[in-house]
């Protein structure tokens, strides 16, 4: 999955209309599973999906994207303690200033 952390303009994102798999995978790689889980849509789009993201991946057949997203929904998300703030922009630093 290290290759997912480095993938730019990820083909899995282009193949998925419901979420950004590459963002979730990067968060998982950098041990930030709770944030990844909380950023997912309210309803799990992967539950009935045939995983076009996995076929579009440059490492097709090697990254179980659907299984990882389902794990975020059903194992990680229920254990999250703190919700993501509604207005995250106020927490960002202005690096241009």
PDB file of N, CA and C in Angstrom:
ATOM      1  N   UNK A   1       0.816  -1.203   0.000  1.00  0.00           N
ATOM      2  CA  UNK A   1       0.000   0.000   0.000  1.00  0.00           C
ATOM      3  C   UNK A   1       0.852   1.256   0.000  1.00  0.00           C
ATOM      4  N   UNK A   2       2.143   1.155   0.160  1.00  0.00           N
ATOM      5  CA  UNK A   2       3.005   2.331   0.124  1.00  0.00           C
ATOM      6  C   UNK A   2       2.874   3.050  -1.212  1.00  0.00           C
ATOM      7  N   UNK A   3       2.663   2.305  -2.274  1.00  0.00           N
ATOM      8  CA  UNK A   3       2.508   2.947  -3.583  1.00  0.00           C
ATOM      9  C   UNK A   3       1.257   3.833  -3.610  1.00  0.00           C
ATOM     10  N   UNK A   4       0.233   3.465  -2.864  1.00  0.00           N
ATOM     11  CA  UNK A   4      -0.984   4.287  -2.798  1.00  0.00           C
ATOM     12  C   UNK A   4      -0.705   5.630  -2.140  1.00  0.00           C
ATOM     13  N   UNK A   5       0.161   5.636  -1.172  1.00  0.00           N
ATOM     14  CA  UNK A   5       0.496   6.879  -0.481  1.00  0.00           C
ATOM     15  C   UNK A   5       1.196   7.847  -1.414  1.00  0.00           C
ATOM     16  N   UNK A   6       1.821   7.333  -2.454  1.00  0.00           N
ATOM     17  CA  UNK A   6       2.562   8.175  -3.378  1.00  0.00           C
ATOM     18  C   UNK A   6       1.830   8.416  -4.695  1.00  0.00           C
ATOM     19  N   UNK A   7       0.706   7.801  -4.886  1.00  0.00           N
ATOM     20  CA  UNK A   7      -0.036   7.894  -6.144  1.00  0.00           C
ATOM     21  C   UNK A   7      -0.679   9.277  -6.287  1.00  0.00           C
ATOM     22  N   UNK A   8      -0.332   9.962  -7.379  1.00  0.00           N
ATOM     23  CA  UNK A   8      -0.926  11.278  -7.678  1.00  0.00           C
ATOM     24  C   UNK A   8      -1.926  11.111  -8.805  1.00  0.00           C
ATOM     25  N   UNK A   9      -3.016  11.889  -8.717  1.00  0.00           N
ATOM     26  CA  UNK A   9      -4.064  11.795  -9.731  1.00  0.00           C
ATOM     27  C   UNK A   9      -4.479  10.330  -9.881  1.00  0.00           C
ATOM     28  N   UNK A  10      -4.813   9.738  -8.765  1.00  0.00           N
ATOM     29  CA  UNK A  10      -5.061   8.296  -8.668  1.00  0.00           C
ATOM     30  C   UNK A  10      -6.202   7.832  -9.571  1.00  0.00           C
ATOM     31  N   UNK A  11      -5.958   6.779 -10.351  1.00  0.00           N
ATOM     32  CA  UNK A  11      -7.005   6.238 -11.209  1.00  0.00           C
ATOM     33  C   UNK A  11      -8.185   5.684 -10.414  1.00  0.00           C
ATOM     34  N   UNK A  12      -7.942   5.238  -9.165  1.00  0.00           N
ATOM     35  CA  UNK A  12      -9.062   4.735  -8.353  1.00  0.00           C
ATOM     36  C   UNK A  12     -10.049   5.870  -8.053  1.00  0.00           C
ATOM     37  N   UNK A  13      -9.554   7.095  -7.879  1.00  0.00           N
ATOM     38  CA  UNK A  13     -10.435   8.237  -7.636  1.00  0.00           C
ATOM     39  C   UNK A  13     -11.293   8.530  -8.856  1.00  0.00           C
ATOM     40  N   UNK A  14     -10.696   8.431 -10.026  1.00  0.00           N
ATOM     41  CA  UNK A  14     -11.451   8.692 -11.264  1.00  0.00           C
ATOM     42  C   UNK A  14     -12.503   7.611 -11.508  1.00  0.00           C
ATOM     43  N   UNK A  15     -12.249   6.408 -11.029  1.00  0.00           N
ATOM     44  CA  UNK A  15     -13.181   5.294 -11.239  1.00  0.00           C
ATOM     45  C   UNK A  15     -14.336   5.290 -10.240  1.00  0.00           C
ATOM     46  N   UNK A  16     -14.176   6.008  -9.131  1.00  0.00           N
ATOM     47  CA  UNK A  16     -15.205   6.017  -8.085  1.00  0.00           C
ATOM     48  C   UNK A  16     -15.949   7.345  -8.089  1.00  0.00           C
ATOM     49  N   UNK A  17     -17.269   7.275  -8.188  1.00  0.00           N
ATOM     50  CA  UNK A  17     -18.096   8.476  -8.215  1.00  0.00           C
ATOM     51  C   UNK A  17     -18.519   8.924  -6.821  1.00  0.00           C
ATOM     52  N   UNK A  18     -18.320   8.094  -5.818  1.00  0.00           N
ATOM     53  CA  UNK A  18     -18.866   8.358  -4.486  1.00  0.00           C
ATOM     54  C   UNK A  18     -17.860   8.870  -3.468  1.00  0.00           C
ATOM     55  N   UNK A  19     -16.581   8.526  -3.614  1.00  0.00           N
ATOM     56  CA  UNK A  19     -15.583   8.952  -2.634  1.00  0.00           C
ATOM     57  C   UNK A  19     -14.208   8.978  -3.272  1.00  0.00           C
ATOM     58  N   UNK A  20     -13.228   9.393  -2.507  1.00  0.00           N
ATOM     59  CA  UNK A  20     -11.848   9.451  -2.971  1.00  0.00           C
ATOM     60  C   UNK A  20     -11.060   8.337  -2.280  1.00  0.00           C
ATOM     61  N   UNK A  21     -10.981   7.161  -2.903  1.00  0.00           N
ATOM     62  CA  UNK A  21     -10.270   6.053  -2.274  1.00  0.00           C
ATOM     63  C   UNK A  21      -8.820   6.393  -1.934  1.00  0.00           C
ATOM     64  N   UNK A  22      -8.161   7.174  -2.776  1.00  0.00           N
ATOM     65  CA  UNK A  22      -6.742   7.466  -2.524  1.00  0.00           C
ATOM     66  C   UNK A  22      -6.556   8.249  -1.229  1.00  0.00           C
ATOM     67  N   UNK A  23      -7.460   9.163  -0.927  1.00  0.00           N
ATOM     68  CA  UNK A  23      -7.357   9.911   0.336  1.00  0.00           C
ATOM     69  C   UNK A  23      -7.522   8.982   1.530  1.00  0.00           C
ATOM     70  N   UNK A  24      -8.493   8.099   1.454  1.00  0.00           N
ATOM     71  CA  UNK A  24      -8.712   7.149   2.551  1.00  0.00           C
ATOM     72  C   UNK A  24      -7.501   6.239   2.725  1.00  0.00           C
ATOM     73  N   UNK A  25      -6.937   5.753   1.617  1.00  0.00           N
ATOM     74  CA  UNK A  25      -5.780   4.864   1.698  1.00  0.00           C
ATOM     75  C   UNK A  25      -4.561   5.588   2.265  1.00  0.00           C
ATOM     76  N   UNK A  26      -4.367   6.837   1.871  1.00  0.00           N
ATOM     77  CA  UNK A  26      -3.253   7.609   2.435  1.00  0.00           C
ATOM     78  C   UNK A  26      -3.411   7.790   3.932  1.00  0.00           C
ATOM     79  N   UNK A  27      -4.633   8.093   4.365  1.00  0.00           N
ATOM     80  CA  UNK A  27      -4.869   8.247   5.796  1.00  0.00           C
ATOM     81  C   UNK A  27      -4.597   6.952   6.547  1.00  0.00           C
ATOM     82  N   UNK A  28      -5.009   5.840   5.990  1.00  0.00           N
ATOM     83  CA  UNK A  28      -4.750   4.543   6.625  1.00  0.00           C
ATOM     84  C   UNK A  28      -3.242   4.313   6.702  1.00  0.00           C
ATOM     85  N   UNK A  29      -2.536   4.578   5.611  1.00  0.00           N
ATOM     86  CA  UNK A  29      -1.092   4.367   5.588  1.00  0.00           C
ATOM     87  C   UNK A  29      -0.391   5.196   6.662  1.00  0.00           C
ATOM     88  N   UNK A  30      -0.851   6.437   6.865  1.00  0.00           N
ATOM     89  CA  UNK A  30      -0.217   7.315   7.843  1.00  0.00           C
ATOM     90  C   UNK A  30      -0.872   7.221   9.219  1.00  0.00           C
ATOM     91  N   UNK A  31      -1.483   6.076   9.518  1.00  0.00           N
ATOM     92  CA  UNK A  31      -2.065   5.771  10.832  1.00  0.00           C
ATOM     93  C   UNK A  31      -3.091   6.795  11.281  1.00  0.00           C
ATOM     94  N   UNK A  32      -3.920   7.234  10.355  1.00  0.00           N
ATOM     95  CA  UNK A  32      -4.963   8.199  10.663  1.00  0.00           C
ATOM     96  C   UNK A  32      -6.311   7.628  10.229  1.00  0.00           C
ATOM     97  N   UNK A  33      -6.581   6.415  10.669  1.00  0.00           N
ATOM     98  CA  UNK A  33      -7.787   5.703  10.261  1.00  0.00           C
ATOM     99  C   UNK A  33      -9.069   6.398  10.693  1.00  0.00           C
ATOM    100  N   UNK A  34      -9.087   6.971  11.882  1.00  0.00           N
ATOM    101  CA  UNK A  34     -10.317   7.607  12.353  1.00  0.00           C
ATOM    102  C   UNK A  34     -10.701   8.791  11.471  1.00  0.00           C
ATOM    103  N   UNK A  35      -9.742   9.597  11.082  1.00  0.00           N
ATOM    104  CA  UNK A  35     -10.043  10.714  10.187  1.00  0.00           C
ATOM    105  C   UNK A  35     -10.536  10.193   8.849  1.00  0.00           C
ATOM    106  N   UNK A  36      -9.907   9.157   8.329  1.00  0.00           N
ATOM    107  CA  UNK A  36     -10.351   8.560   7.069  1.00  0.00           C
ATOM    108  C   UNK A  36     -11.795   8.088   7.187  1.00  0.00           C
ATOM    109  N   UNK A  37     -12.116   7.424   8.273  1.00  0.00           N
ATOM    110  CA  UNK A  37     -13.471   6.909   8.475  1.00  0.00           C
ATOM    111  C   UNK A  37     -14.487   8.042   8.599  1.00  0.00           C
ATOM    112  N   UNK A  38     -14.125   9.100   9.305  1.00  0.00           N
ATOM    113  CA  UNK A  38     -15.058  10.205   9.505  1.00  0.00           C
ATOM    114  C   UNK A  38     -15.274  11.040   8.251  1.00  0.00           C
ATOM    115  N   UNK A  39     -14.360  10.994   7.318  1.00  0.00           N
ATOM    116  CA  UNK A  39     -14.512  11.747   6.063  1.00  0.00           C
ATOM    117  C   UNK A  39     -15.324  10.987   5.008  1.00  0.00           C
ATOM    118  N   UNK A  40     -15.636   9.748   5.276  1.00  0.00           N
ATOM    119  CA  UNK A  40     -16.432   8.970   4.333  1.00  0.00           C
ATOM    120  C   UNK A  40     -17.870   9.475   4.305  1.00  0.00           C
ATOM    121  N   UNK A  41     -18.563   9.264   3.183  1.00  0.00           N
ATOM    122  CA  UNK A  41     -19.982   9.650   3.117  1.00  0.00           C
ATOM    123  C   UNK A  41     -20.792   8.914   4.191  1.00  0.00           C
ATOM    124  N   UNK A  42     -21.930   9.456   4.531  1.00  0.00           N
ATOM    125  CA  UNK A  42     -22.786   8.860   5.565  1.00  0.00           C
ATOM    126  C   UNK A  42     -23.151   7.411   5.236  1.00  0.00           C
ATOM    127  N   UNK A  43     -23.548   7.164   4.005  1.00  0.00           N
ATOM    128  CA  UNK A  43     -23.903   5.809   3.556  1.00  0.00           C
ATOM    129  C   UNK A  43     -22.698   5.175   2.867  1.00  0.00           C
ATOM    130  N   UNK A  44     -22.485   3.898   3.082  1.00  0.00           N
ATOM    131  CA  UNK A  44     -21.357   3.187   2.503  1.00  0.00           C
ATOM    132  C   UNK A  44     -21.631   2.847   1.032  1.00  0.00           C
ATOM    133  N   UNK A  45     -20.946   3.525   0.106  1.00  0.00           N
ATOM    134  CA  UNK A  45     -21.161   3.234  -1.309  1.00  0.00           C
ATOM    135  C   UNK A  45     -20.489   1.941  -1.765  1.00  0.00           C
ATOM    136  N   UNK A  46     -19.622   1.373  -0.935  1.00  0.00           N
ATOM    137  CA  UNK A  46     -18.865   0.176  -1.324  1.00  0.00           C
ATOM    138  C   UNK A  46     -19.615  -1.118  -1.057  1.00  0.00           C
ATOM    139  N   UNK A  47     -20.649  -1.056  -0.279  1.00  0.00           N
ATOM    140  CA  UNK A  47     -21.316  -2.275   0.160  1.00  0.00           C
ATOM    141  C   UNK A  47     -21.860  -3.105  -1.018  1.00  0.00           C
ATOM    142  N   UNK A  48     -22.412  -2.459  -2.017  1.00  0.00           N
ATOM    143  CA  UNK A  48     -22.951  -3.180  -3.174  1.00  0.00           C
ATOM    144  C   UNK A  48     -22.159  -2.904  -4.445  1.00  0.00           C
ATOM    145  N   UNK A  49     -21.004  -2.305  -4.304  1.00  0.00           N
ATOM    146  CA  UNK A  49     -20.186  -1.891  -5.442  1.00  0.00           C
ATOM    147  C   UNK A  49     -19.364  -3.065  -5.978  1.00  0.00           C
ATOM    148  N   UNK A  50     -19.138  -3.074  -7.289  1.00  0.00           N
ATOM    149  CA  UNK A  50     -18.303  -4.127  -7.874  1.00  0.00           C
ATOM    150  C   UNK A  50     -16.835  -3.693  -7.969  1.00  0.00           C
ATOM    151  N   UNK A  51     -16.455  -2.641  -7.269  1.00  0.00           N
ATOM    152  CA  UNK A  51     -15.070  -2.169  -7.100  1.00  0.00           C
ATOM    153  C   UNK A  51     -14.351  -1.807  -8.390  1.00  0.00           C
ATOM    154  N   UNK A  52     -14.914  -0.894  -9.200  1.00  0.00           N
ATOM    155  CA  UNK A  52     -14.179  -0.455 -10.392  1.00  0.00           C
ATOM    156  C   UNK A  52     -12.864   0.237 -10.014  1.00  0.00           C
ATOM    157  N   UNK A  53     -12.807   0.775  -8.808  1.00  0.00           N
ATOM    158  CA  UNK A  53     -11.577   1.429  -8.341  1.00  0.00           C
ATOM    159  C   UNK A  53     -10.413   0.443  -8.283  1.00  0.00           C
ATOM    160  N   UNK A  54     -10.692  -0.773  -7.875  1.00  0.00           N
ATOM    161  CA  UNK A  54      -9.635  -1.788  -7.785  1.00  0.00           C
ATOM    162  C   UNK A  54      -9.130  -2.184  -9.167  1.00  0.00           C
ATOM    163  N   UNK A  55     -10.024  -2.238 -10.139  1.00  0.00           N
ATOM    164  CA  UNK A  55      -9.620  -2.589 -11.506  1.00  0.00           C
ATOM    165  C   UNK A  55      -8.867  -1.433 -12.169  1.00  0.00           C
ATOM    166  N   UNK A  56      -9.206  -0.191 -11.794  1.00  0.00           N
ATOM    167  CA  UNK A  56      -8.560   0.986 -12.378  1.00  0.00           C
ATOM    168  C   UNK A  56      -7.177   1.236 -11.788  1.00  0.00           C
ATOM    169  N   UNK A  57      -6.912   0.695 -10.627  1.00  0.00           N
ATOM    170  CA  UNK A  57      -5.654   0.906  -9.917  1.00  0.00           C
ATOM    171  C   UNK A  57      -4.457   0.472 -10.764  1.00  0.00           C
ATOM    172  N   UNK A  58      -3.372   1.229 -10.668  1.00  0.00           N
ATOM    173  CA  UNK A  58      -2.157   0.845 -11.395  1.00  0.00           C
ATOM    174  C   UNK A  58      -1.587  -0.462 -10.853  1.00  0.00           C
ATOM    175  N   UNK A  59      -1.996  -0.846  -9.652  1.00  0.00           N
ATOM    176  CA  UNK A  59      -1.604  -2.116  -9.037  1.00  0.00           C
ATOM    177  C   UNK A  59      -2.833  -3.031  -8.959  1.00  0.00           C
ATOM    178  N   UNK A  60      -3.579  -3.110 -10.042  1.00  0.00           N
ATOM    179  CA  UNK A  60      -4.835  -3.867 -10.080  1.00  0.00           C
ATOM    180  C   UNK A  60      -4.676  -5.256  -9.465  1.00  0.00           C
ATOM    181  N   UNK A  61      -5.580  -5.571  -8.571  1.00  0.00           N
ATOM    182  CA  UNK A  61      -5.574  -6.867  -7.915  1.00  0.00           C
ATOM    183  C   UNK A  61      -4.704  -6.943  -6.674  1.00  0.00           C
ATOM    184  N   UNK A  62      -3.942  -5.889  -6.388  1.00  0.00           N
ATOM    185  CA  UNK A  62      -3.039  -5.906  -5.242  1.00  0.00           C
ATOM    186  C   UNK A  62      -3.547  -5.103  -4.049  1.00  0.00           C
ATOM    187  N   UNK A  63      -4.417  -4.135  -4.295  1.00  0.00           N
ATOM    188  CA  UNK A  63      -4.890  -3.262  -3.218  1.00  0.00           C
ATOM    189  C   UNK A  63      -6.383  -3.511  -3.002  1.00  0.00           C
ATOM    190  N   UNK A  64      -6.753  -4.088  -1.871  1.00  0.00           N
ATOM    191  CA  UNK A  64      -8.164  -4.396  -1.597  1.00  0.00           C
ATOM    192  C   UNK A  64      -8.926  -3.147  -1.119  1.00  0.00           C
ATOM    193  N   UNK A  65      -9.124  -2.198  -2.025  1.00  0.00           N
ATOM    194  CA  UNK A  65      -9.722  -0.904  -1.669  1.00  0.00           C
ATOM    195  C   UNK A  65     -11.091  -1.092  -1.021  1.00  0.00           C
ATOM    196  N   UNK A  66     -11.926  -1.869  -1.653  1.00  0.00           N
ATOM    197  CA  UNK A  66     -13.289  -2.058  -1.134  1.00  0.00           C
ATOM    198  C   UNK A  66     -13.272  -2.636   0.279  1.00  0.00           C
ATOM    199  N   UNK A  67     -12.449  -3.630   0.521  1.00  0.00           N
ATOM    200  CA  UNK A  67     -12.352  -4.223   1.858  1.00  0.00           C
ATOM    201  C   UNK A  67     -11.841  -3.210   2.881  1.00  0.00           C
ATOM    202  N   UNK A  68     -10.870  -2.399   2.475  1.00  0.00           N
ATOM    203  CA  UNK A  68     -10.336  -1.385   3.397  1.00  0.00           C
ATOM    204  C   UNK A  68     -11.387  -0.333   3.740  1.00  0.00           C
ATOM    205  N   UNK A  69     -12.145   0.111   2.741  1.00  0.00           N
ATOM    206  CA  UNK A  69     -13.196   1.107   2.998  1.00  0.00           C
ATOM    207  C   UNK A  69     -14.286   0.496   3.873  1.00  0.00           C
ATOM    208  N   UNK A  70     -14.675  -0.732   3.598  1.00  0.00           N
ATOM    209  CA  UNK A  70     -15.681  -1.393   4.439  1.00  0.00           C
ATOM    210  C   UNK A  70     -15.199  -1.517   5.880  1.00  0.00           C
ATOM    211  N   UNK A  71     -13.924  -1.819   6.068  1.00  0.00           N
ATOM    212  CA  UNK A  71     -13.359  -1.891   7.419  1.00  0.00           C
ATOM    213  C   UNK A  71     -13.440  -0.533   8.109  1.00  0.00           C
ATOM    214  N   UNK A  72     -13.167   0.537   7.369  1.00  0.00           N
ATOM    215  CA  UNK A  72     -13.281   1.883   7.954  1.00  0.00           C
ATOM    216  C   UNK A  72     -14.715   2.152   8.407  1.00  0.00           C
ATOM    217  N   UNK A  73     -15.682   1.727   7.601  1.00  0.00           N
ATOM    218  CA  UNK A  73     -17.097   1.945   7.940  1.00  0.00           C
ATOM    219  C   UNK A  73     -17.540   1.139   9.152  1.00  0.00           C
ATOM    220  N   UNK A  74     -17.193  -0.138   9.177  1.00  0.00           N
ATOM    221  CA  UNK A  74     -17.799  -1.034  10.164  1.00  0.00           C
ATOM    222  C   UNK A  74     -16.954  -1.324  11.395  1.00  0.00           C
ATOM    223  N   UNK A  75     -15.663  -1.068  11.332  1.00  0.00           N
ATOM    224  CA  UNK A  75     -14.813  -1.297  12.506  1.00  0.00           C
ATOM    225  C   UNK A  75     -14.281   0.005  13.095  1.00  0.00           C
ATOM    226  N   UNK A  76     -13.808   0.897  12.247  1.00  0.00           N
ATOM    227  CA  UNK A  76     -13.158   2.109  12.739  1.00  0.00           C
ATOM    228  C   UNK A  76     -14.170   3.202  13.078  1.00  0.00           C
ATOM    229  N   UNK A  77     -15.079   3.491  12.176  1.00  0.00           N
ATOM    230  CA  UNK A  77     -16.025   4.602  12.363  1.00  0.00           C
ATOM    231  C   UNK A  77     -16.835   4.486  13.661  1.00  0.00           C
ATOM    232  N   UNK A  78     -17.338   3.305  14.013  1.00  0.00           N
ATOM    233  CA  UNK A  78     -18.106   3.212  15.259  1.00  0.00           C
ATOM    234  C   UNK A  78     -17.283   3.506  16.516  1.00  0.00           C
ATOM    235  N   UNK A  79     -15.965   3.390  16.422  1.00  0.00           N
ATOM    236  CA  UNK A  79     -15.107   3.620  17.584  1.00  0.00           C
ATOM    237  C   UNK A  79     -14.554   5.048  17.659  1.00  0.00           C
ATOM    238  N   UNK A  80     -14.904   5.888  16.713  1.00  0.00           N
ATOM    239  CA  UNK A  80     -14.385   7.257  16.691  1.00  0.00           C
ATOM    240  C   UNK A  80     -14.964   8.056  17.854  1.00  0.00           C
ATOM    241  N   UNK A  81     -14.077   8.751  18.549  1.00  0.00           N
ATOM    242  CA  UNK A  81     -14.473   9.522  19.724  1.00  0.00           C
ATOM    243  C   UNK A  81     -14.872  10.953  19.401  1.00  0.00           C
ATOM    244  N   UNK A  82     -14.131  11.602  18.535  1.00  0.00           N
ATOM    245  CA  UNK A  82     -14.329  13.019  18.261  1.00  0.00           C
ATOM    246  C   UNK A  82     -14.698  13.221  16.804  1.00  0.00           C
ATOM    247  N   UNK A  83     -15.811  13.880  16.538  1.00  0.00           N
ATOM    248  CA  UNK A  83     -16.182  14.127  15.142  1.00  0.00           C
ATOM    249  C   UNK A  83     -15.280  15.190  14.518  1.00  0.00           C
ATOM    250  N   UNK A  84     -15.181  15.163  13.201  1.00  0.00           N
ATOM    251  CA  UNK A  84     -14.446  16.201  12.480  1.00  0.00           C
ATOM    252  C   UNK A  84     -15.255  17.486  12.577  1.00  0.00           C
ATOM    253  N   UNK A  85     -14.610  18.623  12.843  1.00  0.00           N
ATOM    254  CA  UNK A  85     -15.344  19.888  12.934  1.00  0.00           C
ATOM    255  C   UNK A  85     -16.073  20.191  11.627  1.00  0.00           C
ATOM    256  N   UNK A  86     -17.222  20.827  11.734  1.00  0.00           N
ATOM    257  CA  UNK A  86     -17.994  21.152  10.541  1.00  0.00           C
ATOM    258  C   UNK A  86     -17.257  22.136   9.645  1.00  0.00           C
ATOM    259  N   UNK A  87     -16.510  23.071  10.247  1.00  0.00           N
ATOM    260  CA  UNK A  87     -15.788  24.062   9.473  1.00  0.00           C
ATOM    261  C   UNK A  87     -14.289  23.877   9.704  1.00  0.00           C
ATOM    262  N   UNK A  88     -13.691  22.970   8.953  1.00  0.00           N
ATOM    263  CA  UNK A  88     -12.268  22.694   9.107  1.00  0.00           C
ATOM    264  C   UNK A  88     -11.396  23.846   8.628  1.00  0.00           C
ATOM    265  N   UNK A  89     -11.906  24.686   7.756  1.00  0.00           N
ATOM    266  CA  UNK A  89     -11.101  25.763   7.199  1.00  0.00           C
ATOM    267  C   UNK A  89     -10.551  26.683   8.275  1.00  0.00           C
ATOM    268  N   UNK A  90     -11.282  26.872   9.337  1.00  0.00           N
ATOM    269  CA  UNK A  90     -10.810  27.773  10.379  1.00  0.00           C
ATOM    270  C   UNK A  90      -9.621  27.183  11.150  1.00  0.00           C
ATOM    271  N   UNK A  91      -9.387  25.874  10.989  1.00  0.00           N
ATOM    272  CA  UNK A  91      -8.270  25.228  11.662  1.00  0.00           C
ATOM    273  C   UNK A  91      -6.997  25.200  10.816  1.00  0.00           C
ATOM    274  N   UNK A  92      -7.116  25.536   9.528  1.00  0.00           N
ATOM    275  CA  UNK A  92      -5.961  25.472   8.630  1.00  0.00           C
ATOM    276  C   UNK A  92      -5.079  26.685   8.787  1.00  0.00           C
ATOM    277  N   UNK A  93      -3.792  26.463   8.669  1.00  0.00           N
ATOM    278  CA  UNK A  93      -2.816  27.561   8.714  1.00  0.00           C
ATOM    279  C   UNK A  93      -2.735  28.206   7.347  1.00  0.00           C
ATOM    280  N   UNK A  94      -2.568  29.498   7.333  1.00  0.00           N
ATOM    281  CA  UNK A  94      -2.375  30.216   6.084  1.00  0.00           C
ATOM    282  C   UNK A  94      -0.884  30.283   5.823  1.00  0.00           C
ATOM    283  N   UNK A  95      -0.378  29.366   5.021  1.00  0.00           N
ATOM    284  CA  UNK A  95       1.058  29.296   4.752  1.00  0.00           C
ATOM    285  C   UNK A  95       1.523  30.391   3.801  1.00  0.00           C
ATOM    286  N   UNK A  96       0.585  31.008   3.099  1.00  0.00           N
ATOM    287  CA  UNK A  96       0.950  32.068   2.160  1.00  0.00           C
ATOM    288  C   UNK A  96       1.218  33.387   2.876  1.00  0.00           C
ATOM    289  N   UNK A  97       0.737  33.511   4.088  1.00  0.00           N
ATOM    290  CA  UNK A  97       0.881  34.786   4.807  1.00  0.00           C
ATOM    291  C   UNK A  97       2.278  34.986   5.341  1.00  0.00           C
TER     292      UNK A  97
END
